[in-house]
PDB file of N, CA and C in Angstrom:
ATOM      1  N   MET A   1     -17.800  -2.036 -15.232  1.00  0.00           N
ATOM      2  CA  MET A   1     -16.438  -1.932 -14.737  1.00  0.00           C
ATOM      3  C   MET A   1     -15.992  -0.474 -14.821  1.00  0.00           C
ATOM      4  N   LYS A   2     -15.344  -0.038 -13.760  1.00  0.00           N
ATOM      5  CA  LYS A   2     -14.781   1.307 -13.704  1.00  0.00           C
ATOM      6  C   LYS A   2     -13.261   1.173 -13.763  1.00  0.00           C
ATOM      7  N   GLU A   3     -12.627   2.052 -14.521  1.00  0.00           N
ATOM      8  CA  GLU A   3     -11.165   2.054 -14.628  1.00  0.00           C
ATOM      9  C   GLU A   3     -10.656   3.486 -14.581  1.00  0.00           C
ATOM     10  N   PHE A   4      -9.494   3.652 -13.987  1.00  0.00           N
ATOM     11  CA  PHE A   4      -8.817   4.941 -14.046  1.00  0.00           C
ATOM     12  C   PHE A   4      -7.321   4.719 -13.901  1.00  0.00           C
ATOM     13  N   GLU A   5      -6.564   5.696 -14.364  1.00  0.00           N
ATOM     14  CA  GLU A   5      -5.106   5.632 -14.248  1.00  0.00           C
ATOM     15  C   GLU A   5      -4.629   6.727 -13.313  1.00  0.00           C
ATOM     16  N   TYR A   6      -3.487   6.480 -12.695  1.00  0.00           N
ATOM     17  CA  TYR A   6      -2.904   7.451 -11.787  1.00  0.00           C
ATOM     18  C   TYR A   6      -1.387   7.382 -11.898  1.00  0.00           C
ATOM     19  N   VAL A   7      -0.750   8.552 -11.945  1.00  0.00           N
ATOM     20  CA  VAL A   7       0.713   8.626 -11.970  1.00  0.00           C
ATOM     21  C   VAL A   7       1.184   8.826 -10.531  1.00  0.00           C
ATOM     22  N   ILE A   8       2.039   7.929 -10.057  1.00  0.00           N
ATOM     23  CA  ILE A   8       2.544   7.968  -8.683  1.00  0.00           C
ATOM     24  C   ILE A   8       3.365   9.236  -8.474  1.00  0.00           C
ATOM     25  N   LYS A   9       3.017   9.977  -7.415  1.00  0.00           N
ATOM     26  CA  LYS A   9       3.728  11.219  -7.100  1.00  0.00           C
ATOM     27  C   LYS A   9       4.597  11.085  -5.847  1.00  0.00           C
ATOM     28  N   ASP A  10       4.314  10.080  -5.024  1.00  0.00           N
ATOM     29  CA  ASP A  10       5.094   9.837  -3.808  1.00  0.00           C
ATOM     30  C   ASP A  10       6.532   9.483  -4.203  1.00  0.00           C
ATOM     31  N   GLU A  11       7.508  10.118  -3.570  1.00  0.00           N
ATOM     32  CA  GLU A  11       8.919   9.911  -3.914  1.00  0.00           C
ATOM     33  C   GLU A  11       9.355   8.458  -3.774  1.00  0.00           C
ATOM     34  N   ILE A  12       8.770   7.739  -2.823  1.00  0.00           N
ATOM     35  CA  ILE A  12       9.158   6.354  -2.570  1.00  0.00           C
ATOM     36  C   ILE A  12       8.323   5.374  -3.401  1.00  0.00           C
ATOM     37  N   GLY A  13       7.152   5.803  -3.850  1.00  0.00           N
ATOM     38  CA  GLY A  13       6.268   4.914  -4.600  1.00  0.00           C
ATOM     39  C   GLY A  13       5.346   4.170  -3.662  1.00  0.00           C
ATOM     40  N   ILE A  14       4.897   2.987  -4.064  1.00  0.00           N
ATOM     41  CA  ILE A  14       4.019   2.193  -3.197  1.00  0.00           C
ATOM     42  C   ILE A  14       4.898   1.451  -2.188  1.00  0.00           C
ATOM     43  N   HIS A  15       4.816   1.882  -0.938  1.00  0.00           N
ATOM     44  CA  HIS A  15       5.538   1.225   0.146  1.00  0.00           C
ATOM     45  C   HIS A  15       4.531   0.868   1.242  1.00  0.00           C
ATOM     46  N   ALA A  16       4.989   0.395   2.371  1.00  0.00           N
ATOM     47  CA  ALA A  16       4.114  -0.186   3.395  1.00  0.00           C
ATOM     48  C   ALA A  16       2.990   0.741   3.869  1.00  0.00           C
ATOM     49  N   ARG A  17       3.297   1.980   4.185  1.00  0.00           N
ATOM     50  CA  ARG A  17       2.269   2.867   4.735  1.00  0.00           C
ATOM     51  C   ARG A  17       1.119   3.098   3.756  1.00  0.00           C
ATOM     52  N   PRO A  18       1.377   3.596   2.530  1.00  0.00           N
ATOM     53  CA  PRO A  18       0.245   3.801   1.627  1.00  0.00           C
ATOM     54  C   PRO A  18      -0.421   2.489   1.203  1.00  0.00           C
ATOM     55  N   ALA A  19       0.355   1.421   1.096  1.00  0.00           N
ATOM     56  CA  ALA A  19      -0.242   0.129   0.739  1.00  0.00           C
ATOM     57  C   ALA A  19      -1.239  -0.294   1.813  1.00  0.00           C
ATOM     58  N   GLY A  20      -0.890  -0.098   3.069  1.00  0.00           N
ATOM     59  CA  GLY A  20      -1.791  -0.429   4.177  1.00  0.00           C
ATOM     60  C   GLY A  20      -3.078   0.371   4.132  1.00  0.00           C
ATOM     61  N   VAL A  21      -2.953   1.652   3.825  1.00  0.00           N
ATOM     62  CA  VAL A  21      -4.130   2.520   3.714  1.00  0.00           C
ATOM     63  C   VAL A  21      -5.041   2.033   2.583  1.00  0.00           C
ATOM     64  N   LEU A  22      -4.449   1.682   1.455  1.00  0.00           N
ATOM     65  CA  LEU A  22      -5.230   1.233   0.299  1.00  0.00           C
ATOM     66  C   LEU A  22      -5.901  -0.112   0.558  1.00  0.00           C
ATOM     67  N   VAL A  23      -5.198  -1.018   1.210  1.00  0.00           N
ATOM     68  CA  VAL A  23      -5.769  -2.333   1.539  1.00  0.00           C
ATOM     69  C   VAL A  23      -6.979  -2.147   2.454  1.00  0.00           C
ATOM     70  N   LYS A  24      -6.822  -1.318   3.463  1.00  0.00           N
ATOM     71  CA  LYS A  24      -7.928  -1.063   4.398  1.00  0.00           C
ATOM     72  C   LYS A  24      -9.125  -0.469   3.663  1.00  0.00           C
ATOM     73  N   ALA A  25      -8.879   0.473   2.773  1.00  0.00           N
ATOM     74  CA  ALA A  25      -9.968   1.099   2.013  1.00  0.00           C
ATOM     75  C   ALA A  25     -10.642   0.088   1.090  1.00  0.00           C
ATOM     76  N   ALA A  26      -9.856  -0.752   0.430  1.00  0.00           N
ATOM     77  CA  ALA A  26     -10.402  -1.736  -0.507  1.00  0.00           C
ATOM     78  C   ALA A  26     -11.305  -2.744   0.194  1.00  0.00           C
ATOM     79  N   LYS A  27     -10.976  -3.085   1.428  1.00  0.00           N
ATOM     80  CA  LYS A  27     -11.756  -4.073   2.171  1.00  0.00           C
ATOM     81  C   LYS A  27     -13.130  -3.555   2.577  1.00  0.00           C
ATOM     82  N   GLU A  28     -13.375  -2.255   2.423  1.00  0.00           N
ATOM     83  CA  GLU A  28     -14.680  -1.677   2.744  1.00  0.00           C
ATOM     84  C   GLU A  28     -15.702  -1.919   1.634  1.00  0.00           C
ATOM     85  N   PHE A  29     -15.258  -2.418   0.488  1.00  0.00           N
ATOM     86  CA  PHE A  29     -16.144  -2.604  -0.662  1.00  0.00           C
ATOM     87  C   PHE A  29     -16.226  -4.066  -1.066  1.00  0.00           C
ATOM     88  N   SER A  30     -17.356  -4.435  -1.645  1.00  0.00           N
ATOM     89  CA  SER A  30     -17.510  -5.815  -2.118  1.00  0.00           C
ATOM     90  C   SER A  30     -16.940  -5.992  -3.523  1.00  0.00           C
ATOM     91  N   SER A  31     -16.728  -4.897  -4.239  1.00  0.00           N
ATOM     92  CA  SER A  31     -16.194  -4.968  -5.601  1.00  0.00           C
ATOM     93  C   SER A  31     -14.772  -5.513  -5.619  1.00  0.00           C
ATOM     94  N   ARG A  32     -14.426  -6.158  -6.716  1.00  0.00           N
ATOM     95  CA  ARG A  32     -13.051  -6.628  -6.937  1.00  0.00           C
ATOM     96  C   ARG A  32     -12.239  -5.433  -7.421  1.00  0.00           C
ATOM     97  N   ILE A  33     -11.103  -5.169  -6.784  1.00  0.00           N
ATOM     98  CA  ILE A  33     -10.265  -4.019  -7.123  1.00  0.00           C
ATOM     99  C   ILE A  33      -8.870  -4.529  -7.472  1.00  0.00           C
ATOM    100  N   ILE A  34      -8.489  -4.314  -8.720  1.00  0.00           N
ATOM    101  CA  ILE A  34      -7.199  -4.785  -9.229  1.00  0.00           C
ATOM    102  C   ILE A  34      -6.352  -3.570  -9.635  1.00  0.00           C
ATOM    103  N   VAL A  35      -5.081  -3.599  -9.243  1.00  0.00           N
ATOM    104  CA  VAL A  35      -4.132  -2.560  -9.625  1.00  0.00           C
ATOM    105  C   VAL A  35      -3.163  -3.172 -10.626  1.00  0.00           C
ATOM    106  N   GLU A  36      -2.956  -2.478 -11.741  1.00  0.00           N
ATOM    107  CA  GLU A  36      -2.048  -2.966 -12.779  1.00  0.00           C
ATOM    108  C   GLU A  36      -0.905  -1.980 -12.989  1.00  0.00           C
ATOM    109  N   LYS A  37       0.286  -2.546 -13.163  1.00  0.00           N
ATOM    110  CA  LYS A  37       1.458  -1.755 -13.572  1.00  0.00           C
ATOM    111  C   LYS A  37       2.124  -2.560 -14.662  1.00  0.00           C
ATOM    112  N   GLY A  38       2.016  -2.085 -15.879  1.00  0.00           N
ATOM    113  CA  GLY A  38       2.539  -2.851 -17.002  1.00  0.00           C
ATOM    114  C   GLY A  38       1.761  -4.149 -17.134  1.00  0.00           C
ATOM    115  N   ASP A  39       2.477  -5.271 -17.177  1.00  0.00           N
ATOM    116  CA  ASP A  39       1.835  -6.580 -17.307  1.00  0.00           C
ATOM    117  C   ASP A  39       1.498  -7.216 -15.960  1.00  0.00           C
ATOM    118  N   GLU A  40       1.906  -6.576 -14.873  1.00  0.00           N
ATOM    119  CA  GLU A  40       1.691  -7.150 -13.545  1.00  0.00           C
ATOM    120  C   GLU A  40       0.392  -6.643 -12.931  1.00  0.00           C
ATOM    121  N   LYS A  41      -0.261  -7.527 -12.166  1.00  0.00           N
ATOM    122  CA  LYS A  41      -1.528  -7.188 -11.519  1.00  0.00           C
ATOM    123  C   LYS A  41      -1.456  -7.535 -10.040  1.00  0.00           C
ATOM    124  N   ALA A  42      -2.200  -6.768  -9.233  1.00  0.00           N
ATOM    125  CA  ALA A  42      -2.264  -7.023  -7.798  1.00  0.00           C
ATOM    126  C   ALA A  42      -3.683  -6.783  -7.306  1.00  0.00           C
ATOM    127  N   ASP A  43      -4.129  -7.654  -6.417  1.00  0.00           N
ATOM    128  CA  ASP A  43      -5.406  -7.476  -5.732  1.00  0.00           C
ATOM    129  C   ASP A  43      -5.184  -6.399  -4.670  1.00  0.00           C
ATOM    130  N   MET A  44      -5.988  -5.351  -4.685  1.00  0.00           N
ATOM    131  CA  MET A  44      -5.779  -4.253  -3.746  1.00  0.00           C
ATOM    132  C   MET A  44      -6.033  -4.664  -2.300  1.00  0.00           C
ATOM    133  N   ARG A  45      -6.624  -5.815  -2.078  1.00  0.00           N
ATOM    134  CA  ARG A  45      -6.846  -6.292  -0.714  1.00  0.00           C
ATOM    135  C   ARG A  45      -5.611  -7.005  -0.147  1.00  0.00           C
ATOM    136  N   LYS A  46      -4.577  -7.153  -0.949  1.00  0.00           N
ATOM    137  CA  LYS A  46      -3.390  -7.901  -0.521  1.00  0.00           C
ATOM    138  C   LYS A  46      -2.147  -6.996  -0.563  1.00  0.00           C
ATOM    139  N   MET A  47      -1.707  -6.605   0.609  1.00  0.00           N
ATOM    140  CA  MET A  47      -0.616  -5.644   0.752  1.00  0.00           C
ATOM    141  C   MET A  47       0.674  -6.096   0.055  1.00  0.00           C
ATOM    142  N   ILE A  48       1.042  -7.347   0.228  1.00  0.00           N
ATOM    143  CA  ILE A  48       2.282  -7.852  -0.378  1.00  0.00           C
ATOM    144  C   ILE A  48       2.219  -7.722  -1.902  1.00  0.00           C
ATOM    145  N   GLN A  49       1.078  -8.078  -2.480  1.00  0.00           N
ATOM    146  CA  GLN A  49       0.937  -7.977  -3.934  1.00  0.00           C
ATOM    147  C   GLN A  49       1.100  -6.531  -4.397  1.00  0.00           C
ATOM    148  N   LEU A  50       0.500  -5.593  -3.669  1.00  0.00           N
ATOM    149  CA  LEU A  50       0.624  -4.176  -4.032  1.00  0.00           C
ATOM    150  C   LEU A  50       2.080  -3.730  -4.012  1.00  0.00           C
ATOM    151  N   MET A  51       2.787  -4.104  -2.964  1.00  0.00           N
ATOM    152  CA  MET A  51       4.177  -3.690  -2.837  1.00  0.00           C
ATOM    153  C   MET A  51       5.061  -4.368  -3.883  1.00  0.00           C
ATOM    154  N   GLN A  52       4.725  -5.599  -4.266  1.00  0.00           N
ATOM    155  CA  GLN A  52       5.520  -6.324  -5.255  1.00  0.00           C
ATOM    156  C   GLN A  52       5.394  -5.732  -6.662  1.00  0.00           C
ATOM    157  N   LEU A  53       4.407  -4.875  -6.880  1.00  0.00           N
ATOM    158  CA  LEU A  53       4.310  -4.200  -8.181  1.00  0.00           C
ATOM    159  C   LEU A  53       5.545  -3.340  -8.431  1.00  0.00           C
ATOM    160  N   GLY A  54       6.154  -2.866  -7.351  1.00  0.00           N
ATOM    161  CA  GLY A  54       7.355  -2.041  -7.488  1.00  0.00           C
ATOM    162  C   GLY A  54       7.087  -0.699  -8.128  1.00  0.00           C
ATOM    163  N   ALA A  55       5.884  -0.155  -7.939  1.00  0.00           N
ATOM    164  CA  ALA A  55       5.534   1.136  -8.540  1.00  0.00           C
ATOM    165  C   ALA A  55       6.312   2.257  -7.855  1.00  0.00           C
ATOM    166  N   LYS A  56       7.046   3.008  -8.648  1.00  0.00           N
ATOM    167  CA  LYS A  56       7.878   4.110  -8.162  1.00  0.00           C
ATOM    168  C   LYS A  56       7.302   5.450  -8.610  1.00  0.00           C
ATOM    169  N   CYS A  57       7.879   6.514  -8.108  1.00  0.00           N
ATOM    170  CA  CYS A  57       7.475   7.864  -8.496  1.00  0.00           C
ATOM    171  C   CYS A  57       7.577   8.009 -10.018  1.00  0.00           C
ATOM    172  N   GLY A  58       6.519   8.498 -10.637  1.00  0.00           N
ATOM    173  CA  GLY A  58       6.487   8.685 -12.087  1.00  0.00           C
ATOM    174  C   GLY A  58       5.846   7.533 -12.839  1.00  0.00           C
ATOM    175  N   ASP A  59       5.699   6.371 -12.192  1.00  0.00           N
ATOM    176  CA  ASP A  59       5.048   5.219 -12.834  1.00  0.00           C
ATOM    177  C   ASP A  59       3.540   5.445 -12.904  1.00  0.00           C
ATOM    178  N   THR A  60       2.921   4.893 -13.927  1.00  0.00           N
ATOM    179  CA  THR A  60       1.469   4.953 -14.068  1.00  0.00           C
ATOM    180  C   THR A  60       0.877   3.613 -13.665  1.00  0.00           C
ATOM    181  N   ILE A  61      -0.120   3.677 -12.786  1.00  0.00           N
ATOM    182  CA  ILE A  61      -0.849   2.472 -12.413  1.00  0.00           C
ATOM    183  C   ILE A  61      -2.273   2.594 -12.953  1.00  0.00           C
ATOM    184  N   LYS A  62      -2.876   1.470 -13.218  1.00  0.00           N
ATOM    185  CA  LYS A  62      -4.264   1.424 -13.669  1.00  0.00           C
ATOM    186  C   LYS A  62      -5.060   0.678 -12.616  1.00  0.00           C
ATOM    187  N   VAL A  63      -6.202   1.239 -12.226  1.00  0.00           N
ATOM    188  CA  VAL A  63      -7.059   0.620 -11.226  1.00  0.00           C
ATOM    189  C   VAL A  63      -8.349   0.186 -11.913  1.00  0.00           C
ATOM    190  N   CYS A  64      -8.681  -1.096 -11.770  1.00  0.00           N
ATOM    191  CA  CYS A  64      -9.894  -1.664 -12.365  1.00  0.00           C
ATOM    192  C   CYS A  64     -10.799  -2.142 -11.237  1.00  0.00           C
ATOM    193  N   ILE A  65     -12.036  -1.652 -11.246  1.00  0.00           N
ATOM    194  CA  ILE A  65     -12.981  -1.977 -10.183  1.00  0.00           C
ATOM    195  C   ILE A  65     -14.239  -2.565 -10.812  1.00  0.00           C
ATOM    196  N   GLU A  66     -14.640  -3.740 -10.311  1.00  0.00           N
ATOM    197  CA  GLU A  66     -15.813  -4.395 -10.863  1.00  0.00           C
ATOM    198  C   GLU A  66     -16.635  -5.003  -9.736  1.00  0.00           C
ATOM    199  N   GLY A  67     -17.940  -4.661  -9.710  1.00  0.00           N
ATOM    200  CA  GLY A  67     -18.824  -5.219  -8.694  1.00  0.00           C
ATOM    201  C   GLY A  67     -20.018  -4.329  -8.434  1.00  0.00           C
ATOM    202  N   GLU A  68     -20.801  -4.719  -7.455  1.00  0.00           N
ATOM    203  CA  GLU A  68     -22.043  -4.017  -7.133  1.00  0.00           C
ATOM    204  C   GLU A  68     -21.836  -2.562  -6.723  1.00  0.00           C
ATOM    205  N   ASP A  69     -20.775  -2.291  -5.989  1.00  0.00           N
ATOM    206  CA  ASP A  69     -20.543  -0.926  -5.483  1.00  0.00           C
ATOM    207  C   ASP A  69     -19.368  -0.237  -6.193  1.00  0.00           C
ATOM    208  N   GLU A  70     -19.174  -0.566  -7.469  1.00  0.00           N
ATOM    209  CA  GLU A  70     -18.004  -0.053  -8.195  1.00  0.00           C
ATOM    210  C   GLU A  70     -17.981   1.467  -8.321  1.00  0.00           C
ATOM    211  N   GLU A  71     -19.151   2.096  -8.454  1.00  0.00           N
ATOM    212  CA  GLU A  71     -19.183   3.566  -8.577  1.00  0.00           C
ATOM    213  C   GLU A  71     -18.610   4.228  -7.323  1.00  0.00           C
ATOM    214  N   LEU A  72     -19.140   3.834  -6.179  1.00  0.00           N
ATOM    215  CA  LEU A  72     -18.678   4.393  -4.910  1.00  0.00           C
ATOM    216  C   LEU A  72     -17.228   3.995  -4.633  1.00  0.00           C
ATOM    217  N   ALA A  73     -16.890   2.751  -4.927  1.00  0.00           N
ATOM    218  CA  ALA A  73     -15.524   2.279  -4.708  1.00  0.00           C
ATOM    219  C   ALA A  73     -14.530   3.083  -5.547  1.00  0.00           C
ATOM    220  N   ALA A  74     -14.857   3.327  -6.807  1.00  0.00           N
ATOM    221  CA  ALA A  74     -13.961   4.092  -7.688  1.00  0.00           C
ATOM    222  C   ALA A  74     -13.727   5.491  -7.138  1.00  0.00           C
ATOM    223  N   GLU A  75     -14.781   6.106  -6.654  1.00  0.00           N
ATOM    224  CA  GLU A  75     -14.664   7.457  -6.106  1.00  0.00           C
ATOM    225  C   GLU A  75     -13.787   7.471  -4.853  1.00  0.00           C
ATOM    226  N   GLU A  76     -14.070   6.573  -3.925  1.00  0.00           N
ATOM    227  CA  GLU A  76     -13.333   6.540  -2.661  1.00  0.00           C
ATOM    228  C   GLU A  76     -11.885   6.070  -2.834  1.00  0.00           C
ATOM    229  N   ILE A  77     -11.681   5.042  -3.627  1.00  0.00           N
ATOM    230  CA  ILE A  77     -10.320   4.537  -3.854  1.00  0.00           C
ATOM    231  C   ILE A  77      -9.494   5.589  -4.597  1.00  0.00           C
ATOM    232  N   GLY A  78     -10.109   6.280  -5.548  1.00  0.00           N
ATOM    233  CA  GLY A  78      -9.417   7.360  -6.261  1.00  0.00           C
ATOM    234  C   GLY A  78      -8.938   8.439  -5.303  1.00  0.00           C
ATOM    235  N   LYS A  79      -9.775   8.790  -4.331  1.00  0.00           N
ATOM    236  CA  LYS A  79      -9.394   9.798  -3.327  1.00  0.00           C
ATOM    237  C   LYS A  79      -8.223   9.301  -2.477  1.00  0.00           C
ATOM    238  N   LYS A  80      -8.310   8.039  -2.027  1.00  0.00           N
ATOM    239  CA  LYS A  80      -7.252   7.479  -1.175  1.00  0.00           C
ATOM    240  C   LYS A  80      -5.922   7.426  -1.925  1.00  0.00           C
ATOM    241  N   ILE A  81      -5.967   7.062  -3.188  1.00  0.00           N
ATOM    242  CA  ILE A  81      -4.733   6.997  -3.982  1.00  0.00           C
ATOM    243  C   ILE A  81      -4.135   8.397  -4.120  1.00  0.00           C
ATOM    244  N   ALA A  82      -4.964   9.378  -4.438  1.00  0.00           N
ATOM    245  CA  ALA A  82      -4.475  10.749  -4.609  1.00  0.00           C
ATOM    246  C   ALA A  82      -3.894  11.297  -3.307  1.00  0.00           C
ATOM    247  N   GLU A  83      -4.502  10.952  -2.172  1.00  0.00           N
ATOM    248  CA  GLU A  83      -4.027  11.442  -0.876  1.00  0.00           C
ATOM    249  C   GLU A  83      -2.729  10.770  -0.420  1.00  0.00           C
ATOM    250  N   ASN A  84      -2.528   9.510  -0.829  1.00  0.00           N
ATOM    251  CA  ASN A  84      -1.417   8.728  -0.289  1.00  0.00           C
ATOM    252  C   ASN A  84      -0.299   8.401  -1.269  1.00  0.00           C
ATOM    253  N   LEU A  85      -0.537   8.588  -2.555  1.00  0.00           N
ATOM    254  CA  LEU A  85       0.503   8.286  -3.532  1.00  0.00           C
ATOM    255  C   LEU A  85       0.775   9.496  -4.407  1.00  0.00           C
TER     256      LEU A  85
END
């Protein structure tokens, strides 16, 4: 399992545009990708769940990736998060 944390820098936080980008990126991998904010969790393949986390600027999210392609997924998803959030 690969895990990393990221502090949201986007002024609006996780909203429709970056959530869509992340969902599309997550669907390219077979690994399970979960985003956590506090006690709440969201499947990165589900846009509504990502947006319901309510992650705002300054919040820390944790990304947990588990599966056959977790190394590559962690690298690519980390890039997408940094570019969009």
